[in-house]
C-alpha cells in the first residue's frame, strides 16, 4: 500500500556540485518533523553530459529515486512533466532549478499547508546565497569557491536556518514573507491530480532553462478560482551559483528579452504577471528569518 503523501520532483542539469547539497537538504536526515516514509524525492538529471552518480544519489536518502532523462532539449519542461507522471504521492512539489537548497522545515510545513484547503497551491520564497543577488555578486568575485567557504562557515547541516544569515532575497521574492505571491515560485506544491488536469508545464516552452514557463504556470494557477494559494513563512530555497541561464547571467546578457519574445510567440500576447492579492500565510518564522518580515514593510506591503 502506498502511503507517500508528497512527491518532490527536482531537476538537475550539469550540477554535480550543487546536487549533493540540494538533495541532502531535502533528505529526511535534514528535514524536521517528517520521515522518509512520508515523501519521495524524484531526482531527474536532464540530459547532462556529466550526469549525477546514481550510487551517490542513493546514499543521500533511501526515499530518493534517480532518473536520467535522455534529451537534447535545453529546457527542463519535459523532464518536469515526466517526473510528475511517475510520482506516487497524492501531492507533488516541483523544484525546476536543482541548485536550490532548502531550509529544514520546508517539507513538514508544506505537508501541513497542503491539508488546509481543498485545492492548495503552496509556494516558498527564494534567496541567493552570497552578499548580493548573484548576477551582481559574481562581478565582485563571488564564485563557487567563495560559496563553498561561505557554506562551510555556518555548519548549515546542523541548523539550516543559518542559510538566511548568508543570503540575499531573490528579486522575485523581494517583497518578503508577507508581501503577497512572488513573481515566480522556486518551490510549489499542489495536488498531483490537478497538475495533470491542467496539462502540467506547457511543453511549448523549450527555451534554455524553460524561459518563462514558471511565470506562465503561476499565471494559469492564479486564474483558477478553485485554487487557494498559500505562502510558507520562515522557510525558503537558496540558490547556489552555477552559471544558471538567468540567475547568473552577465550584464547585457540576461535572456529576459528573448524569453518575452518566446512567450509572445507561444501565446500571441505579451507576458503580464497576474497577481493574486490574497494568499494565505502559514508557518513560523525563526530568528534568522525574521528580518525578511521587515522587508515586507520596507517594500510597501499594506497590512
Protein backbone atom coordinates (compact mmCIF):
# COMPACT_ATOMS: atom_id res chain seq x y z
CA UNK A 1 0.00 0.00 0.00
CA UNK A 2 1.33 3.44 -0.98
CA UNK A 3 1.40 5.86 1.96
CA UNK A 4 3.51 8.55 0.29
CA UNK A 5 1.87 11.95 0.74
CA UNK A 6 4.25 14.09 -1.29
CA UNK A 7 6.48 13.57 -4.31
CA UNK A 8 9.23 16.17 -4.74
CA UNK A 9 10.38 16.49 -8.36
CA UNK A 10 13.74 18.24 -8.66
CA UNK A 11 15.59 18.83 -11.92
CA UNK A 12 19.38 18.89 -12.38
CA UNK A 13 21.50 19.77 -15.40
CA UNK A 14 25.30 19.71 -15.10
CA UNK A 15 25.04 20.12 -11.32
CA UNK A 16 27.25 17.50 -9.70
CA UNK A 17 28.48 20.03 -7.12
CA UNK A 18 25.12 21.61 -6.35
CA UNK A 19 23.01 18.44 -6.40
CA UNK A 20 24.65 16.87 -3.37
CA UNK A 21 23.76 19.81 -1.12
CA UNK A 22 20.27 20.18 -2.58
CA UNK A 23 19.42 16.52 -2.15
CA UNK A 24 20.81 16.40 1.37
CA UNK A 25 18.72 19.45 2.24
CA UNK A 26 15.62 17.59 1.05
CA UNK A 27 16.51 14.35 2.82
CA UNK A 28 14.83 13.01 5.95
CA UNK A 29 18.20 13.27 7.73
CA UNK A 30 17.95 17.07 7.45
CA UNK A 31 14.22 17.82 7.23
CA UNK A 32 12.47 18.10 10.59
CA UNK A 33 9.18 16.52 11.62
CA UNK A 34 8.99 14.09 8.71
CA UNK A 35 10.25 10.61 7.89
CA UNK A 36 11.40 9.06 4.63
CA UNK A 37 8.07 7.21 4.52
CA UNK A 38 6.12 10.47 4.20
CA UNK A 39 7.55 11.59 0.88
CA UNK A 40 9.70 10.65 -2.08
CA UNK A 41 12.29 12.69 -3.94
CA UNK A 42 12.38 12.20 -7.70
CA UNK A 43 15.81 13.45 -8.76
CA UNK A 44 15.97 13.88 -12.53
CA UNK A 45 19.17 14.56 -14.42
CA UNK A 46 18.03 16.42 -17.52
CA UNK A 47 20.41 15.27 -20.23
CA UNK A 48 23.69 16.23 -18.55
CA UNK A 49 26.93 15.37 -20.33
CA UNK A 50 28.37 14.75 -16.85
CA UNK A 51 25.39 13.20 -15.06
CA UNK A 52 24.94 12.61 -11.37
CA UNK A 53 26.32 9.42 -9.84
CA UNK A 54 23.29 7.20 -9.11
CA UNK A 55 25.08 5.38 -6.29
CA UNK A 56 25.98 8.64 -4.56
CA UNK A 57 22.44 9.95 -5.00
CA UNK A 58 21.10 6.81 -3.34
CA UNK A 59 23.44 7.26 -0.38
CA UNK A 60 21.84 10.63 0.40
CA UNK A 61 18.46 9.14 1.23
CA UNK A 62 16.53 5.91 0.81
CA UNK A 63 13.50 7.81 -0.46
CA UNK A 64 15.45 9.40 -3.34
CA UNK A 65 14.71 7.94 -6.77
CA UNK A 66 17.17 8.86 -9.50
CA UNK A 67 16.28 9.08 -13.19
CA UNK A 68 18.40 10.13 -16.15
CA UNK A 69 16.15 11.89 -18.66
CA UNK A 70 17.74 11.40 -22.07
CA UNK A 71 17.04 14.55 -24.06
CA UNK A 72 18.66 17.10 -26.33
CA UNK A 73 16.34 19.85 -25.07
CA UNK A 74 17.83 22.79 -23.19
CA UNK A 75 14.52 23.20 -21.33
CA UNK A 76 13.54 21.32 -18.14
CA UNK A 77 9.84 21.28 -19.04
CA UNK A 78 9.63 17.76 -20.45
CA UNK A 79 11.67 16.37 -17.55
CA UNK A 80 9.37 18.05 -15.02
CA UNK A 81 6.24 16.66 -16.63
CA UNK A 82 7.86 13.22 -16.77
CA UNK A 83 8.72 13.41 -13.08
CA UNK A 84 5.15 14.27 -12.14
CA UNK A 85 3.84 11.46 -14.35
CA UNK A 86 5.79 8.83 -12.38
CA UNK A 87 5.18 10.38 -8.96
CA UNK A 88 3.40 8.24 -6.37
CA UNK A 89 2.27 10.94 -3.96
CA UNK A 90 -1.18 12.48 -3.70
CA UNK A 91 0.60 15.83 -3.83
CA UNK A 92 3.57 16.89 -5.92
CA UNK A 93 6.19 19.58 -5.32
CA UNK A 94 8.42 20.96 -8.07
CA UNK A 95 11.90 22.49 -7.99
CA UNK A 96 12.79 23.47 -11.55
CA UNK A 97 16.34 24.53 -10.65
CA UNK A 98 18.16 21.82 -8.72
CA UNK A 99 20.76 24.30 -7.47
CA UNK A 100 18.33 25.43 -4.76
CA UNK A 101 18.92 24.20 -1.20
CA UNK A 102 16.07 24.24 1.31
CA UNK A 103 15.52 25.06 4.96
CA UNK A 104 14.81 22.14 7.33
CA UNK A 105 11.11 22.78 7.86
CA UNK A 106 10.12 23.17 4.22
CA UNK A 107 8.68 19.72 3.63
CA UNK A 108 6.97 19.41 7.01
CA UNK A 109 5.36 22.86 6.70
CA UNK A 110 4.34 22.14 3.14
CA UNK A 111 2.66 18.87 4.12
CA UNK A 112 0.65 20.66 6.80
CA UNK A 113 -0.27 23.52 4.49
CA UNK A 114 -1.49 21.10 1.83
CA UNK A 115 -4.16 19.88 4.23
CA UNK A 116 -5.60 23.34 4.95
CA UNK A 117 -7.79 23.68 1.85
CA UNK A 118 -9.29 21.51 -0.87
CA UNK A 119 -7.16 22.81 -3.76
CA UNK A 120 -3.93 24.23 -2.34
CA UNK A 121 -1.06 25.82 -4.19
CA UNK A 122 1.78 26.09 -1.68
CA UNK A 123 4.69 28.38 -2.50
CA UNK A 124 8.01 29.13 -0.78
CA UNK A 125 10.14 32.22 -1.34
CA UNK A 126 13.65 32.25 -2.81
CA UNK A 127 17.08 33.61 -1.87
CA UNK A 128 20.52 33.81 -3.45
CA UNK A 129 23.49 32.61 -1.43
CA UNK A 130 26.07 35.34 -1.06
CA UNK A 131 26.31 39.07 -0.29
CA UNK A 132 24.05 40.22 -3.14
CA UNK A 133 21.91 38.83 -5.93
CA UNK A 134 24.30 36.61 -7.82
CA UNK A 135 24.31 38.46 -11.14
CA UNK A 136 25.84 41.34 -9.13
CA UNK A 137 27.96 39.48 -6.58
CA UNK A 138 29.71 37.41 -9.24
CA UNK A 139 31.03 40.65 -10.74
CA UNK A 140 32.72 41.31 -7.39
CA UNK A 141 34.45 37.94 -7.27
CA UNK A 142 31.76 35.72 -5.78
CA UNK A 143 32.15 32.24 -7.24
CA UNK A 144 31.75 28.58 -6.36
CA UNK A 145 34.92 28.51 -4.25
CA UNK A 146 33.79 31.55 -2.26
CA UNK A 147 30.39 29.97 -1.83
CA UNK A 148 31.88 26.71 -0.58
CA UNK A 149 33.76 28.63 2.11
CA UNK A 150 30.65 30.61 2.99
CA UNK A 151 28.56 27.48 3.45
CA UNK A 152 31.30 25.79 5.46
CA UNK A 153 31.34 28.77 7.82
CA UNK A 154 27.78 28.27 9.10
CA UNK A 155 27.52 24.49 9.62
CA UNK A 156 24.18 24.59 7.81
CA UNK A 157 23.73 20.82 8.07
CA UNK A 158 23.05 21.25 11.81
CA UNK A 159 20.98 24.43 11.55
CA UNK A 160 19.72 25.11 8.06
CA UNK A 161 18.05 28.35 9.12
CA UNK A 162 21.52 29.89 9.20
CA UNK A 163 21.26 29.97 5.40
CA UNK A 164 19.25 33.16 5.91
CA UNK A 165 22.33 34.74 7.53
CA UNK A 166 24.45 34.40 4.39
CA UNK A 167 21.89 35.12 1.70
CA UNK A 168 20.11 37.88 -0.20
CA UNK A 169 16.43 37.66 -1.06
CA UNK A 170 15.82 36.95 -4.75
CA UNK A 171 14.27 39.69 -6.91
CA UNK A 172 11.17 37.55 -7.47
CA UNK A 173 10.61 37.38 -3.68
CA UNK A 174 11.82 40.87 -2.74
CA UNK A 175 8.52 41.83 -1.03
CA UNK A 176 9.32 39.36 1.76
CA UNK A 177 7.23 36.80 3.57
CA UNK A 178 4.11 38.95 3.87
CA UNK A 179 4.34 40.66 0.50
CA UNK A 180 1.90 38.51 -1.44
CA UNK A 181 2.66 35.96 -4.12
CA UNK A 182 6.15 36.18 -5.62
CA UNK A 183 6.70 36.71 -9.32
CA UNK A 184 7.62 33.05 -9.69
CA UNK A 185 7.73 30.06 -7.38
CA UNK A 186 11.03 28.22 -6.99
CA UNK A 187 9.12 25.69 -4.86
CA UNK A 188 5.46 24.94 -5.25
CA UNK A 189 3.27 22.04 -4.18
CA UNK A 190 -0.25 21.06 -5.19
CA UNK A 191 -2.46 18.05 -5.84
CA UNK A 192 -0.86 15.84 -8.47
CA UNK A 193 -4.27 15.23 -10.00
CA UNK A 194 -4.81 18.95 -10.53
CA UNK A 195 -1.35 19.42 -12.05
CA UNK A 196 -2.23 16.69 -14.55
CA UNK A 197 -5.70 18.16 -15.10
CA UNK A 198 -4.04 21.45 -16.08
CA UNK A 199 -1.75 19.66 -18.51
CA UNK A 200 1.34 20.36 -16.43
CA UNK A 201 4.03 22.71 -17.67
CA UNK A 202 3.36 23.89 -21.21
CA UNK A 203 5.69 21.82 -23.44
CA UNK A 204 5.95 24.67 -25.93
CA UNK A 205 8.40 26.39 -23.57
CA UNK A 206 11.65 24.97 -24.92
CA UNK A 207 13.95 27.95 -24.29
CA UNK A 208 17.07 27.43 -22.12
CA UNK A 209 16.02 26.93 -18.51
CA UNK A 210 12.38 26.84 -19.61
CA UNK A 211 12.14 30.56 -20.32
CA UNK A 212 9.02 31.97 -18.68
CA UNK A 213 7.38 28.60 -18.09
CA UNK A 214 7.38 29.13 -14.30
CA UNK A 215 5.72 32.52 -14.71
CA UNK A 216 3.25 31.08 -17.19
CA UNK A 217 2.26 28.27 -14.83
CA UNK A 218 1.78 30.70 -11.94
CA UNK A 219 -0.46 32.89 -14.11
CA UNK A 220 -2.53 29.86 -15.06
CA UNK A 221 -2.86 28.89 -11.41
CA UNK A 222 -3.90 32.39 -10.40
CA UNK A 223 -6.74 32.37 -12.93
CA UNK A 224 -8.31 29.27 -11.40
CA UNK A 225 -10.94 30.23 -8.84
CA UNK A 226 -10.83 26.88 -7.06
CA UNK A 227 -7.13 27.23 -6.20
CA UNK A 228 -6.09 28.66 -2.81
CA UNK A 229 -2.50 29.99 -2.83
CA UNK A 230 -0.55 29.56 0.42
CA UNK A 231 2.82 31.12 1.21
CA UNK A 232 5.07 29.25 3.63
CA UNK A 233 6.51 31.55 6.30
CA UNK A 234 10.00 31.09 7.68
CA UNK A 235 11.18 28.59 5.06
CA UNK A 236 12.86 29.06 1.71
CA UNK A 237 15.02 27.95 -1.19
CA UNK A 238 18.65 29.12 -1.54
CA UNK A 239 20.30 29.30 -4.94
CA UNK A 240 23.86 28.06 -5.33
CA UNK A 241 25.90 29.80 -8.01
CA UNK A 242 26.40 27.53 -11.01
CA UNK A 243 26.25 29.60 -14.18
CA UNK A 244 22.47 29.48 -14.47
CA UNK A 245 20.84 30.80 -17.63
CA UNK A 246 19.08 33.74 -15.94
CA UNK A 247 20.17 33.84 -12.29
CA UNK A 248 23.88 34.04 -13.11
CA UNK A 249 23.72 35.97 -16.39
CA UNK A 250 26.22 38.79 -17.01
CA UNK A 251 25.22 42.43 -17.61
CA UNK A 252 23.76 42.84 -21.07
CA UNK A 253 23.36 39.07 -21.46
CA UNK A 254 20.19 38.45 -19.46
CA UNK A 255 17.85 36.30 -21.56
CA UNK A 256 14.65 38.06 -20.45
CA UNK A 257 14.06 39.85 -23.79
CA UNK A 258 14.39 36.52 -25.59
CA UNK A 259 12.11 34.86 -23.04
CA UNK A 260 9.50 37.58 -23.54
CA UNK A 261 9.59 37.09 -27.31
CA UNK A 262 9.25 33.35 -26.83
CA UNK A 263 6.23 33.83 -24.56
CA UNK A 264 4.55 36.16 -27.06
CA UNK A 265 5.15 33.69 -29.87
CA UNK A 266 3.53 30.90 -27.82
CA UNK A 267 0.52 32.86 -26.54
CA UNK A 268 0.14 35.60 -29.17
CA UNK A 269 0.22 38.27 -26.47
CA UNK A 270 2.88 39.93 -24.31
CA UNK A 271 3.58 38.47 -20.89
CA UNK A 272 1.85 40.17 -17.97
CA UNK A 273 2.09 38.99 -14.38
CA UNK A 274 -1.35 38.21 -12.93
CA UNK A 275 -1.08 38.92 -9.22
CA UNK A 276 -3.10 37.05 -6.62
CA UNK A 277 -3.90 39.63 -3.97
CA UNK A 278 -5.00 37.47 -1.05
CA UNK A 279 -2.88 34.36 -0.43
CA UNK A 280 -2.99 32.54 2.87
CA UNK A 281 0.12 32.57 5.08
CA UNK A 282 1.22 29.56 7.08
CA UNK A 283 4.21 28.70 9.25
CA UNK A 284 6.59 30.09 11.85
CA UNK A 285 9.49 32.48 11.48
CA UNK A 286 12.87 31.70 13.03
CA UNK A 287 15.16 34.35 14.46
CA UNK A 288 17.36 34.05 11.38
CA UNK A 289 14.43 34.63 9.01
CA UNK A 290 12.78 37.47 10.95
CA UNK A 291 14.46 40.28 9.02
CA UNK A 292 12.58 39.22 5.91
CA UNK A 293 9.31 40.02 7.63
CA UNK A 294 10.58 43.58 7.89
CA UNK A 295 11.29 43.65 4.16
CA UNK A 296 7.55 43.32 3.55
CA UNK A 297 7.11 46.65 5.33
CA UNK A 298 10.14 48.21 3.64
CA UNK A 299 8.68 47.36 0.22
CA UNK A 300 5.35 48.99 0.97
CA UNK A 301 3.16 45.98 1.67
CA UNK A 302 -0.16 47.07 3.19
CA UNK A 303 -1.22 45.05 6.25
